[in-house]
Amino acid sequence: MKAGPLTTEEAVRSIVRLRRAERTADAETARELGPVLDVLERVAGPTVSRAGAARLLGISYSSLDRWIEKEDISAVPTPAGRREIALSDLVALLEDVEQCRPEHGRMALADVMRDRRRRAEAIDDDDFFPPPRPRPGRTHRAVELRSLAYHRLVARRLDERVVADARRRLRRWRAEKRIHDHWADAWQNALELPLPQLAKLIASDTESARELRQTSPFAGALTEQERRRSMRAAEKRALT
């Protein structure tokens, strides 16, 4: 009997399994897994329905909506007007829950959320911005500060896995014509830099870095709690 097409939920489960395998694979095997993950991410799509996300997490639809209302999980609007869960956010959450579940069982999701909130609240404002000082001739728009704060925290978390995710996202965007070739080329070159240089680049408060961050492939590199913490730091800085 001919197998049917892969469903979104099957694709997401396969992504989580392959990412787990990728973490322990040698460099050559990890490179071979990359194109397979690209295909699975295209099958899954950029977002997953809330009902599908709830099933994958092993919780009820209403429980998922409560986590969304508490701002522990982010739901994004789709072109069709629905609110769904970003694939990158869901995969990262499933990985955390999977790692936590052997010890915490059915309470794994709640424990993951508590740990994420704790880690986000432990971040000091100085991790995003140095103490404010007058800067004649330069003012930031709020959106620039939010992007700068986000990427400065990404820079602190930067490792080969985060960069590999960014490369996959960039390849998908290029294939889907979702990014201009100029910026795709710029990011491709940036993502080949040694980690310390890449971290310095994305955390820089320069005109070229601000322009580059507008098309950043690092979406989903932080937890929702860390993202909101970076937004609060940016809002606070905007008032100084």
C-alpha atoms as a PDB file:
ATOM      1  CA  MET A   1       0.000   0.000   0.000  1.00  0.00           C
ATOM      2  CA  LYS A   2       1.358   3.406  -0.994  1.00  0.00           C
ATOM      3  CA  ALA A   3       2.150   5.682   1.921  1.00  0.00           C
ATOM      4  CA  GLY A   4       0.351   9.005   2.080  1.00  0.00           C
ATOM      5  CA  PRO A   5       2.029  12.414   2.240  1.00  0.00           C
ATOM      6  CA  LEU A   6       3.786  13.411   5.428  1.00  0.00           C
ATOM      7  CA  THR A   7       1.552  15.438   7.735  1.00  0.00           C
ATOM      8  CA  THR A   8       2.688  18.610   9.486  1.00  0.00           C
ATOM      9  CA  GLU A   9       2.796  16.884  12.864  1.00  0.00           C
ATOM     10  CA  GLU A  10       4.799  13.942  11.488  1.00  0.00           C
ATOM     11  CA  ALA A  11       7.225  16.400   9.903  1.00  0.00           C
ATOM     12  CA  VAL A  12       7.660  18.252  13.205  1.00  0.00           C
ATOM     13  CA  ARG A  13       8.294  15.024  15.112  1.00  0.00           C
ATOM     14  CA  SER A  14      10.861  14.020  12.485  1.00  0.00           C
ATOM     15  CA  ILE A  15      12.562  17.418  12.765  1.00  0.00           C
ATOM     16  CA  VAL A  16      12.919  16.996  16.524  1.00  0.00           C
ATOM     17  CA  ARG A  17      14.360  13.487  16.111  1.00  0.00           C
ATOM     18  CA  LEU A  18      16.819  14.559  13.410  1.00  0.00           C
ATOM     19  CA  ARG A  19      17.962  17.582  15.402  1.00  0.00           C
ATOM     20  CA  ARG A  20      18.633  15.253  18.334  1.00  0.00           C
ATOM     21  CA  ALA A  21      20.680  13.006  16.027  1.00  0.00           C
ATOM     22  CA  GLU A  22      22.470  16.027  14.551  1.00  0.00           C
ATOM     23  CA  ARG A  23      23.722  17.103  17.990  1.00  0.00           C
ATOM     24  CA  THR A  24      25.621  13.820  18.488  1.00  0.00           C
ATOM     25  CA  ALA A  25      26.649  13.219  14.864  1.00  0.00           C
ATOM     26  CA  ASP A  26      30.098  13.785  13.424  1.00  0.00           C
ATOM     27  CA  ALA A  27      30.590  16.829  11.191  1.00  0.00           C
ATOM     28  CA  GLU A  28      30.094  14.950   7.905  1.00  0.00           C
ATOM     29  CA  THR A  29      26.882  13.278   9.040  1.00  0.00           C
ATOM     30  CA  ALA A  30      25.561  16.574  10.411  1.00  0.00           C
ATOM     31  CA  ARG A  31      26.116  18.212   7.011  1.00  0.00           C
ATOM     32  CA  GLU A  32      24.203  15.374   5.324  1.00  0.00           C
ATOM     33  CA  LEU A  33      21.295  15.817   7.723  1.00  0.00           C
ATOM     34  CA  GLY A  34      21.010  19.515   6.863  1.00  0.00           C
ATOM     35  CA  PRO A  35      19.224  19.111   3.487  1.00  0.00           C
ATOM     36  CA  VAL A  36      16.828  16.567   5.013  1.00  0.00           C
ATOM     37  CA  LEU A  37      15.920  19.054   7.741  1.00  0.00           C
ATOM     38  CA  ASP A  38      15.419  21.707   5.051  1.00  0.00           C
ATOM     39  CA  VAL A  39      12.877  19.473   3.299  1.00  0.00           C
ATOM     40  CA  LEU A  40      11.062  18.637   6.528  1.00  0.00           C
ATOM     41  CA  GLU A  41      10.851  22.316   7.501  1.00  0.00           C
ATOM     42  CA  ARG A  42       9.329  23.135   4.117  1.00  0.00           C
ATOM     43  CA  VAL A  43       6.783  20.338   4.617  1.00  0.00           C
ATOM     44  CA  ALA A  44       5.914  21.573   8.107  1.00  0.00           C
ATOM     45  CA  GLY A  45       5.658  25.202   7.003  1.00  0.00           C
ATOM     46  CA  PRO A  46       6.620  28.338   8.940  1.00  0.00           C
ATOM     47  CA  THR A  47       3.862  27.890  11.518  1.00  0.00           C
ATOM     48  CA  VAL A  48       1.893  25.059  13.117  1.00  0.00           C
ATOM     49  CA  SER A  49      -1.779  25.279  14.055  1.00  0.00           C
ATOM     50  CA  ARG A  50      -2.548  25.672  17.745  1.00  0.00           C
ATOM     51  CA  ALA A  51      -4.444  22.366  17.708  1.00  0.00           C
ATOM     52  CA  GLY A  52      -1.462  20.604  16.135  1.00  0.00           C
ATOM     53  CA  ALA A  53       0.965  22.243  18.567  1.00  0.00           C
ATOM     54  CA  ALA A  54      -1.184  21.139  21.507  1.00  0.00           C
ATOM     55  CA  ARG A  55      -1.191  17.527  20.300  1.00  0.00           C
ATOM     56  CA  LEU A  56       2.580  17.572  19.803  1.00  0.00           C
ATOM     57  CA  LEU A  57       3.089  18.953  23.312  1.00  0.00           C
ATOM     58  CA  GLY A  58       0.655  16.435  24.782  1.00  0.00           C
ATOM     59  CA  ILE A  59      -1.683  19.071  26.232  1.00  0.00           C
ATOM     60  CA  SER A  60      -5.221  20.239  25.556  1.00  0.00           C
ATOM     61  CA  TYR A  61      -6.061  23.070  23.179  1.00  0.00           C
ATOM     62  CA  SER A  62      -7.335  25.157  26.104  1.00  0.00           C
ATOM     63  CA  SER A  63      -4.127  24.515  28.064  1.00  0.00           C
ATOM     64  CA  LEU A  64      -2.057  25.761  25.129  1.00  0.00           C
ATOM     65  CA  ASP A  65      -4.172  28.912  24.926  1.00  0.00           C
ATOM     66  CA  ARG A  66      -3.579  29.505  28.641  1.00  0.00           C
ATOM     67  CA  TRP A  67       0.196  29.323  28.088  1.00  0.00           C
ATOM     68  CA  ILE A  68      -0.250  31.814  25.236  1.00  0.00           C
ATOM     69  CA  GLU A  69      -2.304  34.153  27.451  1.00  0.00           C
ATOM     70  CA  LYS A  70       0.458  33.972  30.090  1.00  0.00           C
ATOM     71  CA  GLU A  71       2.932  35.009  27.347  1.00  0.00           C
ATOM     72  CA  ASP A  72       5.015  31.875  27.827  1.00  0.00           C
ATOM     73  CA  ILE A  73       4.285  30.741  24.258  1.00  0.00           C
ATOM     74  CA  SER A  74       3.981  33.145  21.353  1.00  0.00           C
ATOM     75  CA  ALA A  75       1.223  32.847  18.744  1.00  0.00           C
ATOM     76  CA  VAL A  76       1.775  34.710  15.479  1.00  0.00           C
ATOM     77  CA  PRO A  77      -0.856  35.830  12.958  1.00  0.00           C
ATOM     78  CA  THR A  78      -0.911  34.030   9.612  1.00  0.00           C
ATOM     79  CA  PRO A  79      -1.959  35.489   6.227  1.00  0.00           C
ATOM     80  CA  ALA A  80      -5.236  33.583   6.669  1.00  0.00           C
ATOM     81  CA  GLY A  81      -5.936  35.489   9.894  1.00  0.00           C
ATOM     82  CA  ARG A  82      -5.346  32.573  12.272  1.00  0.00           C
ATOM     83  CA  ARG A  83      -2.978  32.610  15.247  1.00  0.00           C
ATOM     84  CA  GLU A  84      -0.461  29.789  15.043  1.00  0.00           C
ATOM     85  CA  ILE A  85       2.835  28.772  16.643  1.00  0.00           C
ATOM     86  CA  ALA A  86       6.096  29.508  14.816  1.00  0.00           C
ATOM     87  CA  LEU A  87       7.773  26.253  13.789  1.00  0.00           C
ATOM     88  CA  SER A  88      11.158  27.285  15.237  1.00  0.00           C
ATOM     89  CA  ASP A  89       9.586  28.154  18.602  1.00  0.00           C
ATOM     90  CA  LEU A  90       7.624  24.909  18.751  1.00  0.00           C
ATOM     91  CA  VAL A  91      10.608  22.727  17.844  1.00  0.00           C
ATOM     92  CA  ALA A  92      12.777  24.406  20.494  1.00  0.00           C
ATOM     93  CA  LEU A  93      10.028  23.938  23.089  1.00  0.00           C
ATOM     94  CA  LEU A  94       9.522  20.276  22.149  1.00  0.00           C
ATOM     95  CA  GLU A  95      13.262  19.689  22.512  1.00  0.00           C
ATOM     96  CA  ASP A  96      13.284  21.256  25.977  1.00  0.00           C
ATOM     97  CA  VAL A  97      10.221  19.268  27.066  1.00  0.00           C
ATOM     98  CA  GLU A  98      11.690  16.039  25.687  1.00  0.00           C
ATOM     99  CA  GLN A  99      14.893  16.602  27.634  1.00  0.00           C
ATOM    100  CA  CYS A 100      12.968  17.386  30.824  1.00  0.00           C
ATOM    101  CA  ARG A 101      10.290  14.665  30.570  1.00  0.00           C
ATOM    102  CA  PRO A 102      12.265  11.613  31.801  1.00  0.00           C
ATOM    103  CA  GLU A 103      12.606  13.250  35.230  1.00  0.00           C
ATOM    104  CA  HIS A 104       9.425  15.318  35.369  1.00  0.00           C
ATOM    105  CA  GLY A 105       6.844  13.320  33.411  1.00  0.00           C
ATOM    106  CA  ARG A 106       3.578  15.125  32.747  1.00  0.00           C
ATOM    107  CA  MET A 107       4.838  18.226  34.571  1.00  0.00           C
ATOM    108  CA  ALA A 108       7.704  18.642  32.097  1.00  0.00           C
ATOM    109  CA  LEU A 109       6.128  21.557  30.206  1.00  0.00           C
ATOM    110  CA  ALA A 110       5.352  23.485  33.391  1.00  0.00           C
ATOM    111  CA  ASP A 111       8.891  22.893  34.655  1.00  0.00           C
ATOM    112  CA  VAL A 112      10.372  24.029  31.340  1.00  0.00           C
ATOM    113  CA  MET A 113       8.331  27.233  31.491  1.00  0.00           C
ATOM    114  CA  ARG A 114       9.396  27.946  35.063  1.00  0.00           C
ATOM    115  CA  ASP A 115      13.033  27.423  34.133  1.00  0.00           C
ATOM    116  CA  ARG A 116      12.714  29.652  31.065  1.00  0.00           C
ATOM    117  CA  ARG A 117      11.135  32.441  33.121  1.00  0.00           C
ATOM    118  CA  ARG A 118      13.823  32.116  35.793  1.00  0.00           C
ATOM    119  CA  ARG A 119      16.643  32.318  33.268  1.00  0.00           C
ATOM    120  CA  ALA A 120      15.072  35.278  31.476  1.00  0.00           C
ATOM    121  CA  GLU A 121      14.529  37.260  34.683  1.00  0.00           C
ATOM    122  CA  ALA A 122      18.129  36.592  35.747  1.00  0.00           C
ATOM    123  CA  ILE A 123      19.432  38.535  32.746  1.00  0.00           C
ATOM    124  CA  ASP A 124      20.793  41.936  33.739  1.00  0.00           C
ATOM    125  CA  ASP A 125      20.007  45.047  31.694  1.00  0.00           C
ATOM    126  CA  ASP A 126      23.747  45.537  31.194  1.00  0.00           C
ATOM    127  CA  ASP A 127      23.759  42.311  29.172  1.00  0.00           C
ATOM    128  CA  PHE A 128      21.793  44.205  26.524  1.00  0.00           C
ATOM    129  CA  PHE A 129      23.142  47.738  26.832  1.00  0.00           C
ATOM    130  CA  PRO A 130      26.008  49.403  28.690  1.00  0.00           C
ATOM    131  CA  PRO A 131      25.074  52.139  31.190  1.00  0.00           C
ATOM    132  CA  PRO A 132      23.503  55.019  29.216  1.00  0.00           C
ATOM    133  CA  ARG A 133      25.627  57.958  28.259  1.00  0.00           C
ATOM    134  CA  PRO A 134      24.985  60.970  26.013  1.00  0.00           C
ATOM    135  CA  ARG A 135      25.554  60.274  22.339  1.00  0.00           C
ATOM    136  CA  PRO A 136      25.284  63.535  20.365  1.00  0.00           C
ATOM    137  CA  GLY A 137      23.875  63.170  16.903  1.00  0.00           C
ATOM    138  CA  ARG A 138      22.570  59.607  17.349  1.00  0.00           C
ATOM    139  CA  THR A 139      19.137  58.538  18.485  1.00  0.00           C
ATOM    140  CA  HIS A 140      17.566  55.096  18.225  1.00  0.00           C
ATOM    141  CA  ARG A 141      14.105  54.189  17.100  1.00  0.00           C
ATOM    142  CA  ALA A 142      12.357  51.705  19.373  1.00  0.00           C
ATOM    143  CA  VAL A 143      12.450  48.994  16.710  1.00  0.00           C
ATOM    144  CA  GLU A 144      16.234  49.367  16.412  1.00  0.00           C
ATOM    145  CA  LEU A 145      16.671  49.015  20.166  1.00  0.00           C
ATOM    146  CA  ARG A 146      14.510  45.883  20.251  1.00  0.00           C
ATOM    147  CA  SER A 147      16.534  44.318  17.445  1.00  0.00           C
ATOM    148  CA  LEU A 148      19.827  45.336  19.061  1.00  0.00           C
ATOM    149  CA  ALA A 149      18.821  43.917  22.461  1.00  0.00           C
ATOM    150  CA  TYR A 150      17.597  40.674  20.873  1.00  0.00           C
ATOM    151  CA  HIS A 151      20.796  40.132  18.903  1.00  0.00           C
ATOM    152  CA  ARG A 152      23.068  41.025  21.799  1.00  0.00           C
ATOM    153  CA  LEU A 153      21.485  38.213  23.768  1.00  0.00           C
ATOM    154  CA  VAL A 154      21.744  35.886  20.744  1.00  0.00           C
ATOM    155  CA  ALA A 155      25.445  36.812  20.560  1.00  0.00           C
ATOM    156  CA  ARG A 156      25.879  35.584  24.147  1.00  0.00           C
ATOM    157  CA  ARG A 157      24.127  32.283  23.260  1.00  0.00           C
ATOM    158  CA  LEU A 158      25.909  31.797  19.935  1.00  0.00           C
ATOM    159  CA  ASP A 159      27.169  28.296  19.178  1.00  0.00           C
ATOM    160  CA  GLU A 160      27.430  26.014  16.141  1.00  0.00           C
ATOM    161  CA  ARG A 161      23.876  24.747  16.580  1.00  0.00           C
ATOM    162  CA  VAL A 162      22.388  28.269  16.564  1.00  0.00           C
ATOM    163  CA  VAL A 163      24.427  29.132  13.479  1.00  0.00           C
ATOM    164  CA  ALA A 164      23.382  25.914  11.707  1.00  0.00           C
ATOM    165  CA  ASP A 165      19.732  26.786  12.336  1.00  0.00           C
ATOM    166  CA  ALA A 166      20.318  30.278  10.918  1.00  0.00           C
ATOM    167  CA  ARG A 167      21.981  28.835   7.808  1.00  0.00           C
ATOM    168  CA  ARG A 168      19.032  26.487   7.218  1.00  0.00           C
ATOM    169  CA  ARG A 169      16.567  29.344   7.653  1.00  0.00           C
ATOM    170  CA  LEU A 170      18.555  31.493   5.228  1.00  0.00           C
ATOM    171  CA  ARG A 171      18.625  28.705   2.614  1.00  0.00           C
ATOM    172  CA  ARG A 172      14.863  28.306   2.925  1.00  0.00           C
ATOM    173  CA  TRP A 173      14.250  32.044   2.629  1.00  0.00           C
ATOM    174  CA  ARG A 174      16.471  32.230  -0.456  1.00  0.00           C
ATOM    175  CA  ALA A 175      14.707  29.276  -2.103  1.00  0.00           C
ATOM    176  CA  GLU A 176      11.302  30.807  -1.338  1.00  0.00           C
ATOM    177  CA  LYS A 177      12.411  34.281  -2.542  1.00  0.00           C
ATOM    178  CA  ARG A 178      11.665  35.730   0.900  1.00  0.00           C
ATOM    179  CA  ILE A 179      14.937  37.670   1.098  1.00  0.00           C
ATOM    180  CA  HIS A 180      16.735  39.904  -1.403  1.00  0.00           C
ATOM    181  CA  ASP A 181      19.860  38.350  -2.892  1.00  0.00           C
ATOM    182  CA  HIS A 182      21.987  41.215  -1.582  1.00  0.00           C
ATOM    183  CA  TRP A 183      21.042  40.521   2.042  1.00  0.00           C
ATOM    184  CA  ALA A 184      21.089  36.747   1.539  1.00  0.00           C
ATOM    185  CA  ASP A 185      24.675  37.015   0.299  1.00  0.00           C
ATOM    186  CA  ALA A 186      25.606  39.328   3.169  1.00  0.00           C
ATOM    187  CA  TRP A 187      24.203  36.909   5.748  1.00  0.00           C
ATOM    188  CA  GLN A 188      25.767  33.897   4.055  1.00  0.00           C
ATOM    189  CA  ASN A 189      29.173  35.554   4.346  1.00  0.00           C
ATOM    190  CA  ALA A 190      28.475  36.570   7.953  1.00  0.00           C
ATOM    191  CA  LEU A 191      27.454  33.047   8.954  1.00  0.00           C
ATOM    192  CA  GLU A 192      30.796  31.710   7.710  1.00  0.00           C
ATOM    193  CA  LEU A 193      32.704  33.931  10.161  1.00  0.00           C
ATOM    194  CA  PRO A 194      34.289  32.432  13.293  1.00  0.00           C
ATOM    195  CA  LEU A 195      31.833  32.555  16.192  1.00  0.00           C
ATOM    196  CA  PRO A 196      33.543  35.454  18.048  1.00  0.00           C
ATOM    197  CA  GLN A 197      33.529  37.616  14.907  1.00  0.00           C
ATOM    198  CA  LEU A 198      29.915  36.761  14.105  1.00  0.00           C
ATOM    199  CA  ALA A 199      28.871  37.556  17.678  1.00  0.00           C
ATOM    200  CA  LYS A 200      30.621  40.928  17.492  1.00  0.00           C
ATOM    201  CA  LEU A 201      28.955  41.694  14.155  1.00  0.00           C
ATOM    202  CA  ILE A 202      25.362  40.980  15.154  1.00  0.00           C
ATOM    203  CA  ALA A 203      25.785  42.824  18.467  1.00  0.00           C
ATOM    204  CA  SER A 204      27.340  45.934  16.924  1.00  0.00           C
ATOM    205  CA  ASP A 205      25.554  49.279  17.106  1.00  0.00           C
ATOM    206  CA  THR A 206      26.652  50.454  13.663  1.00  0.00           C
ATOM    207  CA  GLU A 207      24.645  51.513  10.630  1.00  0.00           C
ATOM    208  CA  SER A 208      25.715  48.457   8.610  1.00  0.00           C
ATOM    209  CA  ALA A 209      24.830  46.087  11.472  1.00  0.00           C
ATOM    210  CA  ARG A 210      21.447  47.773  11.956  1.00  0.00           C
ATOM    211  CA  GLU A 211      20.672  47.305   8.262  1.00  0.00           C
ATOM    212  CA  LEU A 212      21.798  43.669   8.327  1.00  0.00           C
ATOM    213  CA  ARG A 213      19.673  42.861  11.382  1.00  0.00           C
ATOM    214  CA  GLN A 214      16.527  43.885   9.493  1.00  0.00           C
ATOM    215  CA  THR A 215      16.696  40.581   7.605  1.00  0.00           C
ATOM    216  CA  SER A 216      18.114  38.449  10.424  1.00  0.00           C
ATOM    217  CA  PRO A 217      17.873  34.645  10.153  1.00  0.00           C
ATOM    218  CA  PHE A 218      18.228  34.346  13.934  1.00  0.00           C
ATOM    219  CA  ALA A 219      14.474  34.385  14.543  1.00  0.00           C
ATOM    220  CA  GLY A 220      13.642  31.758  17.150  1.00  0.00           C
ATOM    221  CA  ALA A 221      17.152  31.679  18.617  1.00  0.00           C
ATOM    222  CA  LEU A 222      15.803  32.858  21.996  1.00  0.00           C
ATOM    223  CA  THR A 223      12.987  31.523  24.120  1.00  0.00           C
ATOM    224  CA  GLU A 224       9.796  33.561  24.261  1.00  0.00           C
ATOM    225  CA  GLN A 225      10.674  34.575  27.801  1.00  0.00           C
ATOM    226  CA  GLU A 226      14.128  35.805  26.725  1.00  0.00           C
ATOM    227  CA  ARG A 227      12.657  37.638  23.748  1.00  0.00           C
ATOM    228  CA  ARG A 228      10.205  39.487  25.981  1.00  0.00           C
ATOM    229  CA  ARG A 229      12.988  40.236  28.467  1.00  0.00           C
ATOM    230  CA  SER A 230      15.020  41.805  25.654  1.00  0.00           C
ATOM    231  CA  MET A 231      11.984  43.877  24.630  1.00  0.00           C
ATOM    232  CA  ARG A 232      11.575  45.205  28.172  1.00  0.00           C
ATOM    233  CA  ALA A 233      15.250  46.164  28.277  1.00  0.00           C
ATOM    234  CA  ALA A 234      14.874  47.985  24.944  1.00  0.00           C
ATOM    235  CA  GLU A 235      11.756  49.825  26.133  1.00  0.00           C
ATOM    236  CA  LYS A 236      13.569  50.874  29.307  1.00  0.00           C
ATOM    237  CA  ARG A 237      16.557  52.141  27.323  1.00  0.00           C
ATOM    238  CA  ALA A 238      14.274  54.065  24.959  1.00  0.00           C
ATOM    239  CA  LEU A 239      13.096  56.127  27.939  1.00  0.00           C
ATOM    240  CA  THR A 240      16.628  57.131  29.045  1.00  0.00           C
END
